[in-house]
Each structure stands twice: as C-alpha cells, then as structure tokens.
Amino acid sequence: MQLVVHTSITEIDAAQWNAMLKSNNPFMRHEFLLGLEITGCVTPDTGWQPSHLAVYQDEKQTKLLGAMPLYVKSHSYGEYIFDWSWADAFQRNGLQYYPKLSNAIPFTPATGERILTATGADALYISDALINHALHLAEATQMSSFHCLFCDASQLEAFQKHRLLARHSTQFHWQNRNYQSFDHFLEQLSSKKRKNIRRERRRVSDAGIQYRWYTHDDLTHPIADQMFDFYLRTIHLYGAQSYLNRAFFHYLVDNFNAQTLILLAEHDDHVVAGGLYFKSNDTLYGRYWGTKHDLHSVHFETCYYQAIEWCIAHGYARFEAGAQGEHKIARGLEPVTTYSAHWLRDPRFYDAVDEFLQSEQQHIQDYQAMLNQHTPFKASQK
C-alpha cells in the first residue's frame, strides 16, 4: 500500500475516484473538484492549494483504494465553518494559524463523504491510514491544524477516534414526507403559515413571472452567463467575496450538466431572476441566486418554493438550502445538525478549543430546540 499527496486532482484517475462514492453527491465527484481547479477558482493564489491524499495498492499507483480531498489553506474564506476567532487567538499569542490543512469541498457547505474507500477494500484500515497521514502531514510541515468540514455523522466518528474535536453547526433542510403535491405539503402547515406561503406565491404568479428549469442538454453558455451575472450581483449587493468565475459556470454546462440545474424566472420575455442548483440521487442542493430587481416574494419563490415543488415532483427526499437563514423555517425548512472535526497541533489551543466546543455544542442544542418550537408545521406533524 502506498500513500501519495497529489497537488492536482488531475493526477488521480477520475473513474476510480467516482467509483468509490457511496452516494452520488455532486460535490465529491471528480468532475466537480476538477472544474474548480482547472478554471482557476481553486489554486494556491486563491488560498486553496490542492494536496489530495490517495491510497494505492502498490507503488505502480494503478489501483486506487482510498482518497481524501485535501487543501492547504492560507485563510478561512469559503469554508462556512467559522474559525476566525481561533486565528485571532493564535495571532494575539504570537503564533501563526495559517497555513492550515482542510479536508473539505471548496465554497460548499453541504454534508457528504470526506473519505472515500474502494469497494472490497478494508474501509476502516484505509480511513485510519488517510486520517493518520493527514495529521502527519500537518505535523511534519508545522501547520497549525487539520480540519474536516461538513462530514457525515458516521465519518465524524472516524475522525473522533483520532482525537479530532467534533463541532456542531445548524442548517435548514426541507424533508419530503411522501408529499404528493405542493398543496399536500401545505396541508401539513398551520393555517397562518399556509396562507402566507400561498399569498407569496400568488404575488409572483399574478405579476406574470414564470419559471423554467434547465439541465442536461438544455443548459447552454448563454444560460450560464445569465446565472453568473445573477451570482455576481448578489455577491456585490451583500459585499461578499466572489469565489467562482465565469469559466466555472461554462465548465458546468460542458462537463457537469447532468447534476447541474439552473432555474430562471422570466417576466415580459426578460429573465429577471435565477438560481443555481445541484442534485444527487435523492437530494437537491440550492447554492446561489440573484435577481435584477427587488420583486416582491421572488426570493422565496426562486430559492425555496420552486425547489420544494421540484423535489416533490421528482420524488427527492430532501432539499438543502445552504448555510444560515432562520427565515427558512417559515417556508417549511427545519433545523438540522451538521458536523465538522478539528485538530490543533498546539496542546494549549487544542484544550481551549475543546472547552469552547463543548460549550458551543450545548448552545446549538438549545438553539435548535427553540427553533423547533417555531416550525410552521401543525402540532400533530412535529
């Protein structure tokens, strides 16, 4: 068995990488990660230096047994698990927090596998080898820390075995409880919330705004350009950082259209809003949205209601609407726990972060309990 650090995912066989996916999570697919690299979104210059770990059966590197997407980070942007206060504490004590090592999907706050193992391989052995080597890499190069972001619960346990500290966060997801239609979904909500959603949807339809989904061969570069312009407008409107470029949106059309969806809203033959989505076999992921005008309720329709309706129509189990946003609760999304794992090389900071995370975890539990009291579902459905 041989462990190799690859400075580009182009060095790893795509078919073997994808064959290790237990689910069809779009963000862990080789094509998605490759697109981020070759379009220049993920490079050392943008603070994401690829250092992917791969386990091979022998020195010939022909048979892939396991892999871990890994990046040397020179900042904490694009991670959505916020550790800026940790970096500040390091700086105030005369220490460097960056570079650090992150097992993550760039710019993507979506739960999924973070360690891949081949069918027939000893999954526990391969997983342990990858985690051990990542920790060794961080230690040997004197990086401050190693982080796994948005891993699923089962893989969190694997990281905890290696003394990584668990961190809990909150997102808002919609769950499909075998709804037969959007109206069937609305019937499960309280009267007040049901009327509010219908009123918001009616404002959009009465304004003459119509929606269309584009995927597979329907996706074209002009459609991608429209969505990219919406993406940039939202980024600039909220003073956020633009992680993606136009070339990446074109790449999705040319190389990833089977799992990419773009939703466009039209009014008087003009496109006025759009949303970028991705899909696995059972989950729809909302990533970015934008609009040219401040149109009443178009945000809710573009980002939530159209997505929920799509999931019901296609029999999808859930809709993940991305990070943050308590306003999502009123639209039928519910709080769920997401997980990350953290190791800090300095034992003083390891202990301090451990104490902080235990306190934070209790806060997260209390916060979610409070949120669950305010979901729009009838009491019988909670």
Foldseek 3Di string as FASTA:
>chain_A
DDKAWDQALVVPDQVLQCQQFPWQPPLSHSLNRNLCVVVVLAPVVVFWGWGKMWDAPDPVRPHTFKIFTKTFGQDCPQQQPDDVVVQVVQVVVVHGQPGEMERERGNDQEADARMTGHPPDPVLVRLLVVLVVNVVVCVVVVHFKYKYHQYDPVVVVSVVVVVWAKFKDKFWKFFDPLQQAVVSVLVQFDPVLSVVVVVLVCLCVVQVKDKDKAFDQSDDLVLLVVFVVFQVVVCVVVVHDDSDDSSSSRSCRVPPRHFKMKMFIDGPNHTFKIWIWGDIPAEIETRGMGGPDPRGSPCCVHQPVVVVRVCSVVVHGMYTRDDDDLVCLSVRIAMDMTMMTMDGPDVVSSVVVNVVRVVVVVVNVVVRVVSVVVHRGDPVVD
